[in-house]
Amino acid sequence: MEIKIIETEEEYNIAIERIDQLFDALKGSKEASELDLLTLLVNKYEEENYPIEEPDPVEYIKIRMEEMGLKASDLIPFMGNKGNVSKVLSRKRGLSIDMIRNLHKGLGFPLDILIQGAVAKP
């Protein structure tokens, strides 16, 4: 297979098939190098043609709560009180800068996701 920038869906599908064929290539082999290059090219094509949008802050918090086994009450120390937690999770109020800071420091939530649509005051 000629290795080049993937520009069409047909080229993308051919590259995917070739990656499947090369998947178990021995490290350091010519096939492994081809696999590495094709993987980079496929990733580039997918990023340009099938972008994955980041979840909005509330959706992200809900996903992480489920993954971490947290209840709404577990967020009180980071959001101030039960009312704030309820309002944020029901989308009746946005995250304040203090809430964002606390969720980031306390739970490791990424700032870039949390700051989307943030309000200026707590």
PDB file of N, CA and C in Angstrom:
ATOM      1  N   MET A   1       0.846  -1.175   0.000  1.00  0.00           N
ATOM      2  CA  MET A   1       0.000   0.000   0.000  1.00  0.00           C
ATOM      3  C   MET A   1       0.892   1.240   0.000  1.00  0.00           C
ATOM      4  N   GLU A   2       0.533   2.196  -0.837  1.00  0.00           N
ATOM      5  CA  GLU A   2       1.242   3.475  -0.873  1.00  0.00           C
ATOM      6  C   GLU A   2       0.797   4.295   0.339  1.00  0.00           C
ATOM      7  N   ILE A   3       1.767   4.764   1.134  1.00  0.00           N
ATOM      8  CA  ILE A   3       1.440   5.547   2.320  1.00  0.00           C
ATOM      9  C   ILE A   3       1.490   7.027   1.958  1.00  0.00           C
ATOM     10  N   LYS A   4       0.328   7.693   2.153  1.00  0.00           N
ATOM     11  CA  LYS A   4       0.208   9.118   1.847  1.00  0.00           C
ATOM     12  C   LYS A   4      -0.913   9.699   2.689  1.00  0.00           C
ATOM     13  N   ILE A   5      -1.042  11.006   2.679  1.00  0.00           N
ATOM     14  CA  ILE A   5      -2.103  11.671   3.411  1.00  0.00           C
ATOM     15  C   ILE A   5      -3.457  11.124   2.948  1.00  0.00           C
ATOM     16  N   ILE A   6      -4.320  10.804   3.902  1.00  0.00           N
ATOM     17  CA  ILE A   6      -5.652  10.281   3.595  1.00  0.00           C
ATOM     18  C   ILE A   6      -6.572  11.458   3.317  1.00  0.00           C
ATOM     19  N   GLU A   7      -7.166  11.454   2.128  1.00  0.00           N
ATOM     20  CA  GLU A   7      -8.007  12.578   1.710  1.00  0.00           C
ATOM     21  C   GLU A   7      -9.462  12.209   1.450  1.00  0.00           C
ATOM     22  N   THR A   8      -9.744  10.936   1.264  1.00  0.00           N
ATOM     23  CA  THR A   8     -11.117  10.522   0.950  1.00  0.00           C
ATOM     24  C   THR A   8     -11.559   9.400   1.886  1.00  0.00           C
ATOM     25  N   GLU A   9     -12.856   9.197   1.918  1.00  0.00           N
ATOM     26  CA  GLU A   9     -13.412   8.117   2.729  1.00  0.00           C
ATOM     27  C   GLU A   9     -12.934   6.752   2.227  1.00  0.00           C
ATOM     28  N   GLU A  10     -12.796   6.621   0.918  1.00  0.00           N
ATOM     29  CA  GLU A  10     -12.298   5.366   0.342  1.00  0.00           C
ATOM     30  C   GLU A  10     -10.869   5.087   0.805  1.00  0.00           C
ATOM     31  N   GLU A  11     -10.020   6.097   0.760  1.00  0.00           N
ATOM     32  CA  GLU A  11      -8.634   5.929   1.239  1.00  0.00           C
ATOM     33  C   GLU A  11      -8.613   5.604   2.729  1.00  0.00           C
ATOM     34  N   TYR A  12      -9.498   6.230   3.479  1.00  0.00           N
ATOM     35  CA  TYR A  12      -9.619   5.973   4.912  1.00  0.00           C
ATOM     36  C   TYR A  12      -9.972   4.500   5.156  1.00  0.00           C
ATOM     37  N   ASN A  13     -10.978   3.987   4.436  1.00  0.00           N
ATOM     38  CA  ASN A  13     -11.400   2.597   4.611  1.00  0.00           C
ATOM     39  C   ASN A  13     -10.293   1.614   4.234  1.00  0.00           C
ATOM     40  N   ILE A  14      -9.553   1.923   3.191  1.00  0.00           N
ATOM     41  CA  ILE A  14      -8.430   1.068   2.780  1.00  0.00           C
ATOM     42  C   ILE A  14      -7.371   1.057   3.877  1.00  0.00           C
ATOM     43  N   ALA A  15      -7.085   2.228   4.452  1.00  0.00           N
ATOM     44  CA  ALA A  15      -6.091   2.317   5.523  1.00  0.00           C
ATOM     45  C   ALA A  15      -6.531   1.524   6.748  1.00  0.00           C
ATOM     46  N   ILE A  16      -7.816   1.592   7.081  1.00  0.00           N
ATOM     47  CA  ILE A  16      -8.346   0.839   8.223  1.00  0.00           C
ATOM     48  C   ILE A  16      -8.179  -0.666   7.993  1.00  0.00           C
ATOM     49  N   GLU A  17      -8.485  -1.120   6.791  1.00  0.00           N
ATOM     50  CA  GLU A  17      -8.319  -2.539   6.466  1.00  0.00           C
ATOM     51  C   GLU A  17      -6.857  -2.959   6.606  1.00  0.00           C
ATOM     52  N   ARG A  18      -5.958  -2.107   6.128  1.00  0.00           N
ATOM     53  CA  ARG A  18      -4.526  -2.418   6.216  1.00  0.00           C
ATOM     54  C   ARG A  18      -4.060  -2.438   7.672  1.00  0.00           C
ATOM     55  N   ILE A  19      -4.577  -1.534   8.481  1.00  0.00           N
ATOM     56  CA  ILE A  19      -4.231  -1.529   9.909  1.00  0.00           C
ATOM     57  C   ILE A  19      -4.671  -2.844  10.549  1.00  0.00           C
ATOM     58  N   ASP A  20      -5.858  -3.327  10.202  1.00  0.00           N
ATOM     59  CA  ASP A  20      -6.332  -4.610  10.714  1.00  0.00           C
ATOM     60  C   ASP A  20      -5.374  -5.741  10.335  1.00  0.00           C
ATOM     61  N   GLN A  21      -4.870  -5.702   9.112  1.00  0.00           N
ATOM     62  CA  GLN A  21      -3.942  -6.731   8.649  1.00  0.00           C
ATOM     63  C   GLN A  21      -2.601  -6.671   9.389  1.00  0.00           C
ATOM     64  N   LEU A  22      -2.183  -5.454   9.739  1.00  0.00           N
ATOM     65  CA  LEU A  22      -0.874  -5.264  10.355  1.00  0.00           C
ATOM     66  C   LEU A  22      -0.914  -5.246  11.880  1.00  0.00           C
ATOM     67  N   PHE A  23      -2.071  -5.396  12.460  1.00  0.00           N
ATOM     68  CA  PHE A  23      -2.252  -5.173  13.889  1.00  0.00           C
ATOM     69  C   PHE A  23      -1.278  -5.945  14.775  1.00  0.00           C
ATOM     70  N   ASP A  24      -0.925  -7.160  14.419  1.00  0.00           N
ATOM     71  CA  ASP A  24      -0.029  -7.985  15.236  1.00  0.00           C
ATOM     72  C   ASP A  24       1.412  -7.979  14.735  1.00  0.00           C
ATOM     73  N   ALA A  25       1.796  -6.937  14.010  1.00  0.00           N
ATOM     74  CA  ALA A  25       3.160  -6.858  13.472  1.00  0.00           C
ATOM     75  C   ALA A  25       4.175  -6.828  14.611  1.00  0.00           C
ATOM     76  N   LEU A  26       5.302  -7.492  14.363  1.00  0.00           N
ATOM     77  CA  LEU A  26       6.365  -7.541  15.367  1.00  0.00           C
ATOM     78  C   LEU A  26       7.024  -6.171  15.506  1.00  0.00           C
ATOM     79  N   LYS A  27       7.222  -5.761  16.747  1.00  0.00           N
ATOM     80  CA  LYS A  27       7.852  -4.471  17.026  1.00  0.00           C
ATOM     81  C   LYS A  27       9.216  -4.400  16.347  1.00  0.00           C
ATOM     82  N   GLY A  28       9.467  -3.277  15.695  1.00  0.00           N
ATOM     83  CA  GLY A  28      10.741  -3.075  15.012  1.00  0.00           C
ATOM     84  C   GLY A  28      10.749  -3.559  13.569  1.00  0.00           C
ATOM     85  N   SER A  29       9.696  -4.229  13.156  1.00  0.00           N
ATOM     86  CA  SER A  29       9.625  -4.731  11.789  1.00  0.00           C
ATOM     87  C   SER A  29       9.162  -3.632  10.836  1.00  0.00           C
ATOM     88  N   LYS A  30       9.349  -3.907   9.531  1.00  0.00           N
ATOM     89  CA  LYS A  30       8.874  -2.986   8.501  1.00  0.00           C
ATOM     90  C   LYS A  30       7.358  -2.808   8.608  1.00  0.00           C
ATOM     91  N   GLU A  31       6.657  -3.899   8.910  1.00  0.00           N
ATOM     92  CA  GLU A  31       5.205  -3.863   9.039  1.00  0.00           C
ATOM     93  C   GLU A  31       4.775  -3.004  10.229  1.00  0.00           C
ATOM     94  N   ALA A  32       5.539  -3.073  11.321  1.00  0.00           N
ATOM     95  CA  ALA A  32       5.225  -2.266  12.496  1.00  0.00           C
ATOM     96  C   ALA A  32       5.388  -0.776  12.186  1.00  0.00           C
ATOM     97  N   SER A  33       6.401  -0.440  11.413  1.00  0.00           N
ATOM     98  CA  SER A  33       6.592   0.953  11.004  1.00  0.00           C
ATOM     99  C   SER A  33       5.440   1.423  10.124  1.00  0.00           C
ATOM    100  N   GLU A  34       5.011   0.561   9.210  1.00  0.00           N
ATOM    101  CA  GLU A  34       3.871   0.892   8.357  1.00  0.00           C
ATOM    102  C   GLU A  34       2.618   1.086   9.209  1.00  0.00           C
ATOM    103  N   LEU A  35       2.439   0.217  10.196  1.00  0.00           N
ATOM    104  CA  LEU A  35       1.292   0.317  11.102  1.00  0.00           C
ATOM    105  C   LEU A  35       1.306   1.654  11.847  1.00  0.00           C
ATOM    106  N   ASP A  36       2.451   2.044  12.358  1.00  0.00           N
ATOM    107  CA  ASP A  36       2.575   3.315  13.078  1.00  0.00           C
ATOM    108  C   ASP A  36       2.209   4.502  12.184  1.00  0.00           C
ATOM    109  N   LEU A  37       2.718   4.501  10.971  1.00  0.00           N
ATOM    110  CA  LEU A  37       2.428   5.592  10.041  1.00  0.00           C
ATOM    111  C   LEU A  37       0.952   5.644   9.661  1.00  0.00           C
ATOM    112  N   LEU A  38       0.405   4.484   9.348  1.00  0.00           N
ATOM    113  CA  LEU A  38      -1.021   4.446   8.993  1.00  0.00           C
ATOM    114  C   LEU A  38      -1.904   4.899  10.153  1.00  0.00           C
ATOM    115  N   THR A  39      -1.539   4.518  11.350  1.00  0.00           N
ATOM    116  CA  THR A  39      -2.306   4.916  12.525  1.00  0.00           C
ATOM    117  C   THR A  39      -2.297   6.434  12.692  1.00  0.00           C
ATOM    118  N   LEU A  40      -1.143   7.050  12.493  1.00  0.00           N
ATOM    119  CA  LEU A  40      -1.052   8.514  12.560  1.00  0.00           C
ATOM    120  C   LEU A  40      -1.916   9.180  11.490  1.00  0.00           C
ATOM    121  N   LEU A  41      -1.862   8.652  10.297  1.00  0.00           N
ATOM    122  CA  LEU A  41      -2.639   9.216   9.195  1.00  0.00           C
ATOM    123  C   LEU A  41      -4.147   9.058   9.422  1.00  0.00           C
ATOM    124  N   VAL A  42      -4.551   7.909   9.917  1.00  0.00           N
ATOM    125  CA  VAL A  42      -5.966   7.665  10.212  1.00  0.00           C
ATOM    126  C   VAL A  42      -6.430   8.596  11.331  1.00  0.00           C
ATOM    127  N   ASN A  43      -5.610   8.748  12.367  1.00  0.00           N
ATOM    128  CA  ASN A  43      -5.976   9.655  13.459  1.00  0.00           C
ATOM    129  C   ASN A  43      -6.155  11.080  12.951  1.00  0.00           C
ATOM    130  N   LYS A  44      -5.254  11.528  12.101  1.00  0.00           N
ATOM    131  CA  LYS A  44      -5.355  12.879  11.537  1.00  0.00           C
ATOM    132  C   LYS A  44      -6.647  13.027  10.739  1.00  0.00           C
ATOM    133  N   TYR A  45      -6.949  12.050   9.907  1.00  0.00           N
ATOM    134  CA  TYR A  45      -8.174  12.085   9.101  1.00  0.00           C
ATOM    135  C   TYR A  45      -9.412  12.114  10.002  1.00  0.00           C
ATOM    136  N   GLU A  46      -9.417  11.290  11.047  1.00  0.00           N
ATOM    137  CA  GLU A  46     -10.565  11.236  11.952  1.00  0.00           C
ATOM    138  C   GLU A  46     -10.738  12.547  12.714  1.00  0.00           C
ATOM    139  N   GLU A  47      -9.645  13.147  13.156  1.00  0.00           N
ATOM    140  CA  GLU A  47      -9.727  14.430  13.865  1.00  0.00           C
ATOM    141  C   GLU A  47     -10.324  15.518  12.982  1.00  0.00           C
ATOM    142  N   GLU A  48      -9.980  15.496  11.701  1.00  0.00           N
ATOM    143  CA  GLU A  48     -10.467  16.511  10.776  1.00  0.00           C
ATOM    144  C   GLU A  48     -11.892  16.260  10.309  1.00  0.00           C
ATOM    145  N   ASN A  49     -12.269  14.985  10.185  1.00  0.00           N
ATOM    146  CA  ASN A  49     -13.559  14.655   9.594  1.00  0.00           C
ATOM    147  C   ASN A  49     -14.609  14.136  10.583  1.00  0.00           C
ATOM    148  N   TYR A  50     -14.181  13.685  11.737  1.00  0.00           N
ATOM    149  CA  TYR A  50     -15.099  13.161  12.746  1.00  0.00           C
ATOM    150  C   TYR A  50     -14.727  13.714  14.120  1.00  0.00           C
ATOM    151  N   PRO A  51     -14.752  15.031  14.281  1.00  0.00           N
ATOM    152  CA  PRO A  51     -14.340  15.600  15.571  1.00  0.00           C
ATOM    153  C   PRO A  51     -15.284  15.174  16.690  1.00  0.00           C
ATOM    154  N   ILE A  52     -14.697  14.967  17.854  1.00  0.00           N
ATOM    155  CA  ILE A  52     -15.476  14.604  19.031  1.00  0.00           C
ATOM    156  C   ILE A  52     -15.610  15.853  19.889  1.00  0.00           C
ATOM    157  N   GLU A  53     -16.828  16.266  20.103  1.00  0.00           N
ATOM    158  CA  GLU A  53     -17.067  17.455  20.900  1.00  0.00           C
ATOM    159  C   GLU A  53     -16.944  17.116  22.377  1.00  0.00           C
ATOM    160  N   GLU A  54     -16.374  18.049  23.131  1.00  0.00           N
ATOM    161  CA  GLU A  54     -16.288  17.894  24.572  1.00  0.00           C
ATOM    162  C   GLU A  54     -17.694  18.020  25.142  1.00  0.00           C
ATOM    163  N   PRO A  55     -17.989  17.262  26.205  1.00  0.00           N
ATOM    164  CA  PRO A  55     -19.306  17.420  26.820  1.00  0.00           C
ATOM    165  C   PRO A  55     -19.403  18.778  27.500  1.00  0.00           C
ATOM    166  N   ASP A  56     -20.616  19.285  27.636  1.00  0.00           N
ATOM    167  CA  ASP A  56     -20.776  20.539  28.359  1.00  0.00           C
ATOM    168  C   ASP A  56     -20.454  20.270  29.826  1.00  0.00           C
ATOM    169  N   PRO A  57     -20.184  21.315  30.623  1.00  0.00           N
ATOM    170  CA  PRO A  57     -19.747  21.122  32.008  1.00  0.00           C
ATOM    171  C   PRO A  57     -20.689  20.268  32.854  1.00  0.00           C
ATOM    172  N   VAL A  58     -21.989  20.502  32.749  1.00  0.00           N
ATOM    173  CA  VAL A  58     -22.937  19.747  33.567  1.00  0.00           C
ATOM    174  C   VAL A  58     -22.937  18.274  33.159  1.00  0.00           C
ATOM    175  N   GLU A  59     -22.932  18.024  31.870  1.00  0.00           N
ATOM    176  CA  GLU A  59     -22.891  16.636  31.401  1.00  0.00           C
ATOM    177  C   GLU A  59     -21.610  15.955  31.874  1.00  0.00           C
ATOM    178  N   TYR A  60     -20.490  16.677  31.800  1.00  0.00           N
ATOM    179  CA  TYR A  60     -19.211  16.123  32.257  1.00  0.00           C
ATOM    180  C   TYR A  60     -19.287  15.784  33.751  1.00  0.00           C
ATOM    181  N   ILE A  61     -19.809  16.705  34.552  1.00  0.00           N
ATOM    182  CA  ILE A  61     -19.913  16.459  35.994  1.00  0.00           C
ATOM    183  C   ILE A  61     -20.760  15.216  36.256  1.00  0.00           C
ATOM    184  N   LYS A  62     -21.880  15.080  35.560  1.00  0.00           N
ATOM    185  CA  LYS A  62     -22.747  13.908  35.740  1.00  0.00           C
ATOM    186  C   LYS A  62     -22.040  12.612  35.353  1.00  0.00           C
ATOM    187  N   ILE A  63     -21.301  12.640  34.258  1.00  0.00           N
ATOM    188  CA  ILE A  63     -20.556  11.456  33.816  1.00  0.00           C
ATOM    189  C   ILE A  63     -19.525  11.072  34.865  1.00  0.00           C
ATOM    190  N   ARG A  64     -18.764  12.068  35.340  1.00  0.00           N
ATOM    191  CA  ARG A  64     -17.717  11.795  36.331  1.00  0.00           C
ATOM    192  C   ARG A  64     -18.316  11.341  37.658  1.00  0.00           C
ATOM    193  N   MET A  65     -19.460  11.896  38.034  1.00  0.00           N
ATOM    194  CA  MET A  65     -20.129  11.454  39.264  1.00  0.00           C
ATOM    195  C   MET A  65     -20.450   9.968  39.178  1.00  0.00           C
ATOM    196  N   GLU A  66     -20.986   9.563  38.042  1.00  0.00           N
ATOM    197  CA  GLU A  66     -21.317   8.145  37.857  1.00  0.00           C
ATOM    198  C   GLU A  66     -20.063   7.283  37.898  1.00  0.00           C
ATOM    199  N   GLU A  67     -19.023   7.708  37.197  1.00  0.00           N
ATOM    200  CA  GLU A  67     -17.772   6.947  37.159  1.00  0.00           C
ATOM    201  C   GLU A  67     -17.120   6.844  38.541  1.00  0.00           C
ATOM    202  N   MET A  68     -17.242   7.907  39.326  1.00  0.00           N
ATOM    203  CA  MET A  68     -16.600   7.951  40.647  1.00  0.00           C
ATOM    204  C   MET A  68     -17.517   7.469  41.769  1.00  0.00           C
ATOM    205  N   GLY A  69     -18.756   7.129  41.430  1.00  0.00           N
ATOM    206  CA  GLY A  69     -19.700   6.660  42.434  1.00  0.00           C
ATOM    207  C   GLY A  69     -20.130   7.752  43.406  1.00  0.00           C
ATOM    208  N   LEU A  70     -20.203   8.986  42.906  1.00  0.00           N
ATOM    209  CA  LEU A  70     -20.567  10.120  43.751  1.00  0.00           C
ATOM    210  C   LEU A  70     -22.069  10.395  43.679  1.00  0.00           C
ATOM    211  N   LYS A  71     -22.598  10.908  44.785  1.00  0.00           N
ATOM    212  CA  LYS A  71     -23.977  11.380  44.832  1.00  0.00           C
ATOM    213  C   LYS A  71     -23.929  12.901  44.784  1.00  0.00           C
ATOM    214  N   ALA A  72     -25.069  13.514  44.531  1.00  0.00           N
ATOM    215  CA  ALA A  72     -25.128  14.977  44.491  1.00  0.00           C
ATOM    216  C   ALA A  72     -24.613  15.574  45.797  1.00  0.00           C
ATOM    217  N   SER A  73     -24.932  14.951  46.911  1.00  0.00           N
ATOM    218  CA  SER A  73     -24.489  15.475  48.209  1.00  0.00           C
ATOM    219  C   SER A  73     -22.968  15.483  48.351  1.00  0.00           C
ATOM    220  N   ASP A  74     -22.290  14.630  47.592  1.00  0.00           N
ATOM    221  CA  ASP A  74     -20.823  14.602  47.632  1.00  0.00           C
ATOM    222  C   ASP A  74     -20.208  15.848  47.008  1.00  0.00           C
ATOM    223  N   LEU A  75     -21.005  16.587  46.231  1.00  0.00           N
ATOM    224  CA  LEU A  75     -20.499  17.795  45.580  1.00  0.00           C
ATOM    225  C   LEU A  75     -20.664  19.055  46.435  1.00  0.00           C
ATOM    226  N   ILE A  76     -21.374  18.953  47.551  1.00  0.00           N
ATOM    227  CA  ILE A  76     -21.614  20.124  48.401  1.00  0.00           C
ATOM    228  C   ILE A  76     -20.313  20.818  48.811  1.00  0.00           C
ATOM    229  N   PRO A  77     -19.270  20.090  49.214  1.00  0.00           N
ATOM    230  CA  PRO A  77     -18.041  20.786  49.608  1.00  0.00           C
ATOM    231  C   PRO A  77     -17.403  21.596  48.464  1.00  0.00           C
ATOM    232  N   PHE A  78     -17.706  21.244  47.251  1.00  0.00           N
ATOM    233  CA  PHE A  78     -17.102  21.905  46.095  1.00  0.00           C
ATOM    234  C   PHE A  78     -17.991  23.010  45.522  1.00  0.00           C
ATOM    235  N   MET A  79     -19.292  22.946  45.816  1.00  0.00           N
ATOM    236  CA  MET A  79     -20.239  23.907  45.240  1.00  0.00           C
ATOM    237  C   MET A  79     -20.914  24.801  46.278  1.00  0.00           C
ATOM    238  N   GLY A  80     -20.638  24.585  47.557  1.00  0.00           N
ATOM    239  CA  GLY A  80     -21.133  25.499  48.582  1.00  0.00           C
ATOM    240  C   GLY A  80     -22.305  25.011  49.390  1.00  0.00           C
ATOM    241  N   ASN A  81     -23.343  24.525  48.724  1.00  0.00           N
ATOM    242  CA  ASN A  81     -24.508  24.017  49.456  1.00  0.00           C
ATOM    243  C   ASN A  81     -25.365  23.142  48.546  1.00  0.00           C
ATOM    244  N   LYS A  82     -26.346  22.480  49.175  1.00  0.00           N
ATOM    245  CA  LYS A  82     -27.215  21.559  48.448  1.00  0.00           C
ATOM    246  C   LYS A  82     -27.987  22.264  47.333  1.00  0.00           C
ATOM    247  N   GLY A  83     -28.424  23.495  47.600  1.00  0.00           N
ATOM    248  CA  GLY A  83     -29.172  24.256  46.599  1.00  0.00           C
ATOM    249  C   GLY A  83     -28.352  24.535  45.354  1.00  0.00           C
ATOM    250  N   ASN A  84     -27.100  24.920  45.548  1.00  0.00           N
ATOM    251  CA  ASN A  84     -26.221  25.169  44.401  1.00  0.00           C
ATOM    252  C   ASN A  84     -26.026  23.906  43.565  1.00  0.00           C
ATOM    253  N   VAL A  85     -25.783  22.789  44.251  1.00  0.00           N
ATOM    254  CA  VAL A  85     -25.585  21.518  43.544  1.00  0.00           C
ATOM    255  C   VAL A  85     -26.823  21.201  42.715  1.00  0.00           C
ATOM    256  N   SER A  86     -27.985  21.292  43.323  1.00  0.00           N
ATOM    257  CA  SER A  86     -29.237  20.991  42.636  1.00  0.00           C
ATOM    258  C   SER A  86     -29.453  21.909  41.431  1.00  0.00           C
ATOM    259  N   LYS A  87     -29.225  23.203  41.624  1.00  0.00           N
ATOM    260  CA  LYS A  87     -29.431  24.162  40.542  1.00  0.00           C
ATOM    261  C   LYS A  87     -28.461  23.935  39.381  1.00  0.00           C
ATOM    262  N   VAL A  88     -27.205  23.641  39.696  1.00  0.00           N
ATOM    263  CA  VAL A  88     -26.218  23.394  38.628  1.00  0.00           C
ATOM    264  C   VAL A  88     -26.580  22.128  37.862  1.00  0.00           C
ATOM    265  N   LEU A  89     -26.870  21.050  38.590  1.00  0.00           N
ATOM    266  CA  LEU A  89     -27.168  19.772  37.925  1.00  0.00           C
ATOM    267  C   LEU A  89     -28.466  19.807  37.128  1.00  0.00           C
ATOM    268  N   SER A  90     -29.378  20.708  37.500  1.00  0.00           N
ATOM    269  CA  SER A  90     -30.628  20.839  36.743  1.00  0.00           C
ATOM    270  C   SER A  90     -30.546  21.976  35.721  1.00  0.00           C
ATOM    271  N   ARG A  91     -29.357  22.534  35.581  1.00  0.00           N
ATOM    272  CA  ARG A  91     -29.069  23.589  34.602  1.00  0.00           C
ATOM    273  C   ARG A  91     -29.839  24.892  34.870  1.00  0.00           C
ATOM    274  N   LYS A  92     -30.166  25.128  36.134  1.00  0.00           N
ATOM    275  CA  LYS A  92     -30.854  26.372  36.489  1.00  0.00           C
ATOM    276  C   LYS A  92     -29.871  27.477  36.842  1.00  0.00           C
ATOM    277  N   ARG A  93     -28.617  27.127  37.020  1.00  0.00           N
ATOM    278  CA  ARG A  93     -27.565  28.111  37.236  1.00  0.00           C
ATOM    279  C   ARG A  93     -26.258  27.546  36.694  1.00  0.00           C
ATOM    280  N   GLY A  94     -25.367  28.451  36.336  1.00  0.00           N
ATOM    281  CA  GLY A  94     -24.065  28.042  35.838  1.00  0.00           C
ATOM    282  C   GLY A  94     -23.075  27.852  36.966  1.00  0.00           C
ATOM    283  N   LEU A  95     -21.934  27.317  36.626  1.00  0.00           N
ATOM    284  CA  LEU A  95     -20.856  27.157  37.597  1.00  0.00           C
ATOM    285  C   LEU A  95     -20.202  28.507  37.853  1.00  0.00           C
ATOM    286  N   SER A  96     -19.920  28.795  39.115  1.00  0.00           N
ATOM    287  CA  SER A  96     -19.176  30.004  39.439  1.00  0.00           C
ATOM    288  C   SER A  96     -17.677  29.713  39.327  1.00  0.00           C
ATOM    289  N   ILE A  97     -16.894  30.752  39.339  1.00  0.00           N
ATOM    290  CA  ILE A  97     -15.439  30.583  39.291  1.00  0.00           C
ATOM    291  C   ILE A  97     -14.963  29.788  40.500  1.00  0.00           C
ATOM    292  N   ASP A  98     -15.526  30.068  41.681  1.00  0.00           N
ATOM    293  CA  ASP A  98     -15.143  29.310  42.877  1.00  0.00           C
ATOM    294  C   ASP A  98     -15.499  27.828  42.748  1.00  0.00           C
ATOM    295  N   MET A  99     -16.668  27.537  42.209  1.00  0.00           N
ATOM    296  CA  MET A  99     -17.067  26.135  42.009  1.00  0.00           C
ATOM    297  C   MET A  99     -16.102  25.445  41.052  1.00  0.00           C
ATOM    298  N   ILE A 100     -15.778  26.128  39.968  1.00  0.00           N
ATOM    299  CA  ILE A 100     -14.849  25.565  38.983  1.00  0.00           C
ATOM    300  C   ILE A 100     -13.515  25.275  39.642  1.00  0.00           C
ATOM    301  N   ARG A 101     -13.014  26.236  40.371  1.00  0.00           N
ATOM    302  CA  ARG A 101     -11.721  26.077  41.063  1.00  0.00           C
ATOM    303  C   ARG A 101     -11.779  24.894  42.025  1.00  0.00           C
ATOM    304  N   ASN A 102     -12.853  24.814  42.814  1.00  0.00           N
ATOM    305  CA  ASN A 102     -12.987  23.733  43.793  1.00  0.00           C
ATOM    306  C   ASN A 102     -13.117  22.363  43.140  1.00  0.00           C
ATOM    307  N   LEU A 103     -13.906  22.267  42.085  1.00  0.00           N
ATOM    308  CA  LEU A 103     -14.056  20.980  41.384  1.00  0.00           C
ATOM    309  C   LEU A 103     -12.743  20.549  40.744  1.00  0.00           C
ATOM    310  N   HIS A 104     -12.008  21.509  40.237  1.00  0.00           N
ATOM    311  CA  HIS A 104     -10.715  21.196  39.630  1.00  0.00           C
ATOM    312  C   HIS A 104      -9.717  20.720  40.687  1.00  0.00           C
ATOM    313  N   LYS A 105      -9.580  21.498  41.754  1.00  0.00           N
ATOM    314  CA  LYS A 105      -8.611  21.147  42.803  1.00  0.00           C
ATOM    315  C   LYS A 105      -9.029  19.908  43.582  1.00  0.00           C
ATOM    316  N   GLY A 106     -10.304  19.820  43.910  1.00  0.00           N
ATOM    317  CA  GLY A 106     -10.772  18.729  44.751  1.00  0.00           C
ATOM    318  C   GLY A 106     -10.998  17.408  44.059  1.00  0.00           C
ATOM    319  N   LEU A 107     -11.477  17.464  42.826  1.00  0.00           N
ATOM    320  CA  LEU A 107     -11.819  16.226  42.110  1.00  0.00           C
ATOM    321  C   LEU A 107     -11.012  16.022  40.833  1.00  0.00           C
ATOM    322  N   GLY A 108     -10.182  17.005  40.491  1.00  0.00           N
ATOM    323  CA  GLY A 108      -9.339  16.863  39.301  1.00  0.00           C
ATOM    324  C   GLY A 108     -10.071  17.054  37.991  1.00  0.00           C
ATOM    325  N   PHE A 109     -11.248  17.678  38.026  1.00  0.00           N
ATOM    326  CA  PHE A 109     -11.982  17.919  36.783  1.00  0.00           C
ATOM    327  C   PHE A 109     -11.215  18.935  35.942  1.00  0.00           C
ATOM    328  N   PRO A 110     -11.109  18.725  34.621  1.00  0.00           N
ATOM    329  CA  PRO A 110     -10.338  19.629  33.768  1.00  0.00           C
ATOM    330  C   PRO A 110     -10.968  21.024  33.640  1.00  0.00           C
ATOM    331  N   LEU A 111     -10.118  22.023  33.813  1.00  0.00           N
ATOM    332  CA  LEU A 111     -10.580  23.406  33.719  1.00  0.00           C
ATOM    333  C   LEU A 111     -11.209  23.727  32.377  1.00  0.00           C
ATOM    334  N   ASP A 112     -10.609  23.226  31.287  1.00  0.00           N
ATOM    335  CA  ASP A 112     -11.106  23.588  29.952  1.00  0.00           C
ATOM    336  C   ASP A 112     -12.546  23.159  29.727  1.00  0.00           C
ATOM    337  N   ILE A 113     -12.978  22.097  30.364  1.00  0.00           N
ATOM    338  CA  ILE A 113     -14.367  21.665  30.241  1.00  0.00           C
ATOM    339  C   ILE A 113     -15.260  22.472  31.185  1.00  0.00           C
ATOM    340  N   LEU A 114     -14.793  22.681  32.401  1.00  0.00           N
ATOM    341  CA  LEU A 114     -15.611  23.360  33.398  1.00  0.00           C
ATOM    342  C   LEU A 114     -15.864  24.822  33.077  1.00  0.00           C
ATOM    343  N   ILE A 115     -14.932  25.486  32.417  1.00  0.00           N
ATOM    344  CA  ILE A 115     -15.095  26.924  32.192  1.00  0.00           C
ATOM    345  C   ILE A 115     -16.057  27.263  31.073  1.00  0.00           C
ATOM    346  N   GLN A 116     -16.486  26.285  30.303  1.00  0.00           N
ATOM    347  CA  GLN A 116     -17.445  26.559  29.246  1.00  0.00           C
ATOM    348  C   GLN A 116     -18.748  27.081  29.845  1.00  0.00           C
ATOM    349  N   GLY A 117     -19.082  28.300  29.532  1.00  0.00           N
ATOM    350  CA  GLY A 117     -20.336  28.876  30.007  1.00  0.00           C
ATOM    351  C   GLY A 117     -20.335  29.296  31.457  1.00  0.00           C
ATOM    352  N   ALA A 118     -19.152  29.466  32.067  1.00  0.00           N
ATOM    353  CA  ALA A 118     -19.071  29.864  33.470  1.00  0.00           C
ATOM    354  C   ALA A 118     -19.579  31.274  33.681  1.00  0.00           C
ATOM    355  N   VAL A 119     -20.066  31.521  34.867  1.00  0.00           N
ATOM    356  CA  VAL A 119     -20.485  32.867  35.245  1.00  0.00           C
ATOM    357  C   VAL A 119     -19.370  33.518  36.040  1.00  0.00           C
ATOM    358  N   ALA A 120     -19.399  34.839  36.149  1.00  0.00           N
ATOM    359  CA  ALA A 120     -18.311  35.573  36.783  1.00  0.00           C
ATOM    360  C   ALA A 120     -18.334  35.547  38.297  1.00  0.00           C
ATOM    361  N   LYS A 121     -19.506  35.471  38.936  1.00  0.00           N
ATOM    362  CA  LYS A 121     -19.586  35.549  40.409  1.00  0.00           C
ATOM    363  C   LYS A 121     -20.212  34.288  40.972  1.00  0.00           C
ATOM    364  N   PRO A 122     -19.847  33.936  42.219  1.00  0.00           N
ATOM    365  CA  PRO A 122     -20.427  32.738  42.860  1.00  0.00           C
ATOM    366  C   PRO A 122     -21.901  32.889  43.159  1.00  0.00           C
TER     367      PRO A 122
END
